[in-house]
Amino acid sequence: MPLFAKGRIEVYLPDLPKSSYQNLLQALDEEFTYTFGGCTIIRGLEGSYLSNFGEKIQDRISLIYTDTPFSFQDNSDLLSNYTDEIRNAALEALEEEVVLIAVWQVYHSS
């Protein structure tokens, strides 16, 4: 069975009870579902990071991800531009220093 390389987009968001965070997660859910056919949300992950002031911050995280129909290697510019737009929208909507978005190659069987 052949494998097909696709681009996976992962967005890591703080899991906070503020409406702006929940609204963004819902907006990404709709964006990924209607654009790529679906997504997965994993809530309640734990993590930590260093703030711009060098302080260790404990965080609860929600991860939302989707697999695109695009080849990662052939469409890296398209995926990069798309994730830049997502990051800019997230930073505008949230009170965060940084929003982590990862894109990597994942293999699907047919």
N, C-alpha and C. Protein backbone atom coordinates (compact mmCIF):
# COMPACT_ATOMS: atom_id res chain seq x y z
N MET A 1 0.85 -1.17 0.00
CA MET A 1 0.00 0.00 0.00
C MET A 1 0.90 1.24 0.00
N PRO A 2 0.77 2.14 -0.99
CA PRO A 2 1.64 3.31 -1.06
C PRO A 2 1.32 4.33 0.04
N LEU A 3 2.34 5.05 0.44
CA LEU A 3 2.17 6.13 1.41
C LEU A 3 2.25 7.46 0.70
N PHE A 4 1.45 8.43 1.17
CA PHE A 4 1.43 9.76 0.57
C PHE A 4 1.84 10.78 1.63
N ALA A 5 2.81 11.64 1.29
CA ALA A 5 3.30 12.66 2.22
C ALA A 5 2.39 13.89 2.16
N LYS A 6 1.89 14.29 3.30
CA LYS A 6 1.03 15.47 3.43
C LYS A 6 1.64 16.42 4.45
N GLY A 7 1.21 17.66 4.41
CA GLY A 7 1.63 18.63 5.42
C GLY A 7 0.65 18.65 6.58
N ARG A 8 1.15 18.49 7.80
CA ARG A 8 0.31 18.58 9.00
C ARG A 8 0.58 19.92 9.67
N ILE A 9 -0.50 20.61 10.05
CA ILE A 9 -0.42 21.89 10.75
C ILE A 9 -0.90 21.66 12.17
N GLU A 10 -0.07 22.05 13.14
CA GLU A 10 -0.41 21.94 14.55
C GLU A 10 -0.36 23.32 15.19
N VAL A 11 -1.40 23.67 15.95
CA VAL A 11 -1.44 24.95 16.65
C VAL A 11 -1.59 24.65 18.14
N TYR A 12 -0.65 25.17 18.92
CA TYR A 12 -0.63 24.98 20.37
C TYR A 12 -1.11 26.27 21.02
N LEU A 13 -2.25 26.19 21.72
CA LEU A 13 -2.85 27.37 22.34
C LEU A 13 -2.98 27.17 23.85
N PRO A 14 -2.74 28.21 24.63
CA PRO A 14 -3.01 28.10 26.06
C PRO A 14 -4.48 27.76 26.28
N ASP A 15 -4.74 26.87 27.22
CA ASP A 15 -6.10 26.43 27.54
C ASP A 15 -6.61 27.28 28.70
N LEU A 16 -7.10 28.46 28.38
CA LEU A 16 -7.59 29.40 29.40
C LEU A 16 -9.10 29.57 29.27
N PRO A 17 -9.76 29.88 30.39
CA PRO A 17 -11.23 30.02 30.35
C PRO A 17 -11.72 31.33 29.72
N LYS A 18 -10.81 32.19 29.28
CA LYS A 18 -11.22 33.45 28.66
C LYS A 18 -11.90 33.18 27.32
N SER A 19 -12.91 33.96 27.03
CA SER A 19 -13.67 33.74 25.79
C SER A 19 -12.82 33.89 24.54
N SER A 20 -11.83 34.79 24.56
CA SER A 20 -11.01 34.98 23.36
C SER A 20 -10.25 33.70 22.99
N TYR A 21 -9.80 32.95 23.98
CA TYR A 21 -9.08 31.70 23.72
C TYR A 21 -10.02 30.63 23.20
N GLN A 22 -11.18 30.52 23.81
CA GLN A 22 -12.16 29.53 23.37
C GLN A 22 -12.71 29.88 21.98
N ASN A 23 -12.91 31.18 21.73
CA ASN A 23 -13.39 31.62 20.41
C ASN A 23 -12.38 31.31 19.31
N LEU A 24 -11.09 31.51 19.61
CA LEU A 24 -10.06 31.22 18.61
C LEU A 24 -10.00 29.72 18.33
N LEU A 25 -10.07 28.91 19.38
CA LEU A 25 -10.06 27.47 19.17
C LEU A 25 -11.25 27.03 18.32
N GLN A 26 -12.41 27.59 18.57
CA GLN A 26 -13.59 27.28 17.78
C GLN A 26 -13.43 27.76 16.33
N ALA A 27 -12.85 28.94 16.15
CA ALA A 27 -12.63 29.47 14.80
C ALA A 27 -11.65 28.58 14.02
N LEU A 28 -10.59 28.11 14.69
CA LEU A 28 -9.64 27.22 14.03
C LEU A 28 -10.29 25.87 13.70
N ASP A 29 -11.14 25.39 14.60
CA ASP A 29 -11.88 24.16 14.35
C ASP A 29 -12.69 24.30 13.06
N GLU A 30 -13.41 25.39 12.92
CA GLU A 30 -14.22 25.62 11.72
C GLU A 30 -13.34 25.82 10.49
N GLU A 31 -12.26 26.59 10.63
CA GLU A 31 -11.34 26.84 9.51
C GLU A 31 -10.76 25.53 8.99
N PHE A 32 -10.22 24.72 9.87
CA PHE A 32 -9.59 23.48 9.46
C PHE A 32 -10.61 22.47 8.92
N THR A 33 -11.79 22.43 9.53
CA THR A 33 -12.81 21.49 9.08
C THR A 33 -13.29 21.83 7.67
N TYR A 34 -13.60 23.11 7.43
CA TYR A 34 -14.12 23.49 6.12
C TYR A 34 -13.03 23.61 5.06
N THR A 35 -11.81 23.90 5.45
CA THR A 35 -10.73 24.03 4.48
C THR A 35 -10.09 22.70 4.12
N PHE A 36 -9.88 21.83 5.14
CA PHE A 36 -9.15 20.60 4.92
C PHE A 36 -9.96 19.33 5.20
N GLY A 37 -11.22 19.48 5.59
CA GLY A 37 -12.07 18.31 5.78
C GLY A 37 -12.14 17.77 7.19
N GLY A 38 -11.40 18.38 8.12
CA GLY A 38 -11.47 17.93 9.51
C GLY A 38 -10.25 18.33 10.30
N CYS A 39 -10.34 18.10 11.60
CA CYS A 39 -9.23 18.40 12.49
C CYS A 39 -9.41 17.61 13.78
N THR A 40 -8.40 17.64 14.61
CA THR A 40 -8.44 16.99 15.93
C THR A 40 -8.04 18.02 16.97
N ILE A 41 -8.75 18.00 18.10
CA ILE A 41 -8.42 18.87 19.23
C ILE A 41 -8.11 17.99 20.43
N ILE A 42 -6.97 18.25 21.05
CA ILE A 42 -6.59 17.58 22.28
C ILE A 42 -6.48 18.67 23.35
N ARG A 43 -7.29 18.55 24.39
CA ARG A 43 -7.32 19.56 25.46
C ARG A 43 -6.61 19.03 26.71
N GLY A 44 -6.20 19.96 27.55
CA GLY A 44 -5.68 19.59 28.86
C GLY A 44 -4.24 19.11 28.88
N LEU A 45 -3.47 19.40 27.85
CA LEU A 45 -2.05 19.06 27.86
C LEU A 45 -1.32 20.01 28.81
N GLU A 46 -0.23 19.55 29.37
CA GLU A 46 0.56 20.40 30.26
C GLU A 46 1.88 20.72 29.60
N GLY A 47 2.36 21.94 29.82
CA GLY A 47 3.64 22.35 29.26
C GLY A 47 4.23 23.50 30.04
N SER A 48 5.39 23.92 29.62
CA SER A 48 6.04 25.08 30.23
C SER A 48 6.90 25.76 29.17
N TYR A 49 7.19 27.01 29.40
CA TYR A 49 8.05 27.77 28.49
C TYR A 49 8.72 28.89 29.26
N LEU A 50 9.77 29.46 28.67
CA LEU A 50 10.43 30.62 29.27
C LEU A 50 9.85 31.88 28.66
N SER A 51 9.39 32.78 29.51
CA SER A 51 8.85 34.05 29.03
C SER A 51 9.98 34.92 28.51
N ASN A 52 9.61 36.03 27.89
CA ASN A 52 10.63 36.98 27.41
C ASN A 52 11.46 37.55 28.55
N PHE A 53 10.97 37.44 29.78
CA PHE A 53 11.68 37.93 30.95
C PHE A 53 12.49 36.83 31.64
N GLY A 54 12.54 35.64 31.02
CA GLY A 54 13.32 34.54 31.55
C GLY A 54 12.65 33.75 32.66
N GLU A 55 11.36 33.96 32.86
CA GLU A 55 10.62 33.23 33.89
C GLU A 55 10.02 31.97 33.30
N LYS A 56 10.08 30.87 34.08
CA LYS A 56 9.43 29.63 33.65
C LYS A 56 7.94 29.75 33.93
N ILE A 57 7.15 29.55 32.88
CA ILE A 57 5.70 29.65 32.97
C ILE A 57 5.10 28.27 32.73
N GLN A 58 4.29 27.80 33.69
CA GLN A 58 3.54 26.56 33.52
C GLN A 58 2.27 26.88 32.73
N ASP A 59 1.90 26.00 31.82
CA ASP A 59 0.77 26.25 30.95
C ASP A 59 -0.05 24.99 30.76
N ARG A 60 -1.36 25.17 30.65
CA ARG A 60 -2.23 24.10 30.14
C ARG A 60 -2.47 24.47 28.68
N ILE A 61 -2.40 23.46 27.83
CA ILE A 61 -2.40 23.68 26.39
C ILE A 61 -3.52 22.90 25.72
N SER A 62 -4.10 23.49 24.69
CA SER A 62 -4.96 22.77 23.74
C SER A 62 -4.18 22.68 22.44
N LEU A 63 -4.17 21.50 21.86
CA LEU A 63 -3.53 21.28 20.57
C LEU A 63 -4.63 21.02 19.55
N ILE A 64 -4.62 21.77 18.46
CA ILE A 64 -5.52 21.51 17.34
C ILE A 64 -4.66 21.27 16.11
N TYR A 65 -4.96 20.19 15.39
CA TYR A 65 -4.16 19.91 14.20
C TYR A 65 -5.02 19.38 13.07
N THR A 66 -4.49 19.53 11.87
CA THR A 66 -5.15 19.08 10.66
C THR A 66 -4.09 18.63 9.66
N ASP A 67 -4.48 17.70 8.82
CA ASP A 67 -3.61 17.27 7.73
C ASP A 67 -4.14 17.87 6.44
N THR A 68 -3.27 18.52 5.72
CA THR A 68 -3.66 19.18 4.47
C THR A 68 -3.57 18.19 3.32
N PRO A 69 -4.19 18.49 2.21
CA PRO A 69 -4.06 17.62 1.03
C PRO A 69 -2.78 17.90 0.25
N PHE A 70 -1.98 18.84 0.73
CA PHE A 70 -0.81 19.30 -0.01
C PHE A 70 0.45 18.51 0.35
N SER A 71 1.25 18.23 -0.65
CA SER A 71 2.56 17.67 -0.42
C SER A 71 3.39 18.68 0.37
N PHE A 72 4.03 18.24 1.42
CA PHE A 72 4.85 19.13 2.25
C PHE A 72 5.99 19.74 1.44
N GLN A 73 6.72 18.90 0.73
CA GLN A 73 7.89 19.38 -0.01
C GLN A 73 7.53 20.30 -1.16
N ASP A 74 6.46 19.98 -1.89
CA ASP A 74 6.10 20.76 -3.07
C ASP A 74 5.36 22.05 -2.74
N ASN A 75 4.86 22.18 -1.52
CA ASN A 75 4.02 23.32 -1.16
C ASN A 75 4.47 24.02 0.11
N SER A 76 5.77 23.99 0.39
CA SER A 76 6.25 24.59 1.65
C SER A 76 5.97 26.09 1.71
N ASP A 77 6.06 26.80 0.58
CA ASP A 77 5.75 28.23 0.59
C ASP A 77 4.27 28.48 0.91
N LEU A 78 3.39 27.71 0.30
CA LEU A 78 1.95 27.83 0.56
C LEU A 78 1.65 27.55 2.03
N LEU A 79 2.21 26.47 2.57
CA LEU A 79 1.99 26.12 3.98
C LEU A 79 2.57 27.18 4.91
N SER A 80 3.72 27.72 4.55
CA SER A 80 4.35 28.76 5.37
C SER A 80 3.49 30.02 5.40
N ASN A 81 3.00 30.44 4.24
CA ASN A 81 2.15 31.64 4.19
C ASN A 81 0.85 31.43 4.96
N TYR A 82 0.26 30.24 4.82
CA TYR A 82 -0.99 29.93 5.52
C TYR A 82 -0.78 29.97 7.04
N THR A 83 0.29 29.35 7.51
CA THR A 83 0.53 29.35 8.96
C THR A 83 0.94 30.73 9.47
N ASP A 84 1.58 31.53 8.66
CA ASP A 84 1.86 32.93 9.06
C ASP A 84 0.55 33.68 9.31
N GLU A 85 -0.44 33.46 8.44
CA GLU A 85 -1.74 34.11 8.61
C GLU A 85 -2.43 33.63 9.90
N ILE A 86 -2.35 32.35 10.16
CA ILE A 86 -2.94 31.81 11.39
C ILE A 86 -2.25 32.40 12.61
N ARG A 87 -0.92 32.43 12.60
CA ARG A 87 -0.16 32.98 13.74
C ARG A 87 -0.51 34.46 13.96
N ASN A 88 -0.59 35.24 12.89
CA ASN A 88 -0.92 36.65 13.02
C ASN A 88 -2.32 36.84 13.60
N ALA A 89 -3.28 36.05 13.14
CA ALA A 89 -4.64 36.13 13.67
C ALA A 89 -4.67 35.73 15.14
N ALA A 90 -3.93 34.70 15.50
CA ALA A 90 -3.89 34.24 16.89
C ALA A 90 -3.27 35.30 17.80
N LEU A 91 -2.18 35.90 17.37
CA LEU A 91 -1.53 36.92 18.20
C LEU A 91 -2.41 38.16 18.34
N GLU A 92 -3.17 38.47 17.31
CA GLU A 92 -4.09 39.60 17.38
C GLU A 92 -5.25 39.31 18.33
N ALA A 93 -5.71 38.07 18.36
CA ALA A 93 -6.87 37.70 19.16
C ALA A 93 -6.54 37.43 20.63
N LEU A 94 -5.30 37.07 20.93
CA LEU A 94 -4.94 36.62 22.27
C LEU A 94 -3.94 37.55 22.94
N GLU A 95 -3.82 37.38 24.24
CA GLU A 95 -2.85 38.13 25.03
C GLU A 95 -1.61 37.27 25.26
N GLU A 96 -0.90 36.96 24.19
CA GLU A 96 0.25 36.06 24.26
C GLU A 96 1.48 36.69 23.63
N GLU A 97 2.65 36.29 24.15
CA GLU A 97 3.92 36.72 23.56
C GLU A 97 4.19 35.97 22.26
N VAL A 98 3.84 34.66 22.27
CA VAL A 98 4.13 33.79 21.15
C VAL A 98 3.02 32.74 21.05
N VAL A 99 2.71 32.34 19.85
CA VAL A 99 1.81 31.20 19.61
C VAL A 99 2.60 30.22 18.75
N LEU A 100 2.72 28.98 19.24
CA LEU A 100 3.49 27.97 18.51
C LEU A 100 2.62 27.30 17.46
N ILE A 101 3.12 27.34 16.23
CA ILE A 101 2.49 26.62 15.12
C ILE A 101 3.59 25.78 14.48
N ALA A 102 3.34 24.50 14.38
CA ALA A 102 4.31 23.59 13.77
C ALA A 102 3.72 23.01 12.49
N VAL A 103 4.57 22.85 11.49
CA VAL A 103 4.17 22.20 10.24
C VAL A 103 5.21 21.14 9.95
N TRP A 104 4.74 19.95 9.68
CA TRP A 104 5.68 18.88 9.37
C TRP A 104 5.05 17.89 8.42
N GLN A 105 5.88 17.00 7.92
CA GLN A 105 5.44 16.02 6.95
C GLN A 105 4.93 14.78 7.66
N VAL A 106 3.75 14.32 7.27
CA VAL A 106 3.15 13.12 7.82
C VAL A 106 2.76 12.22 6.64
N TYR A 107 2.81 10.94 6.84
CA TYR A 107 2.51 10.01 5.76
C TYR A 107 1.17 9.33 5.98
N HIS A 108 0.36 9.31 4.94
CA HIS A 108 -0.95 8.66 4.96
C HIS A 108 -0.92 7.46 4.01
N SER A 109 -1.61 6.41 4.38
CA SER A 109 -1.79 5.30 3.44
C SER A 109 -3.12 5.52 2.73
N SER A 110 -3.24 4.99 1.54
CA SER A 110 -4.48 5.20 0.78
C SER A 110 -5.55 4.22 1.15
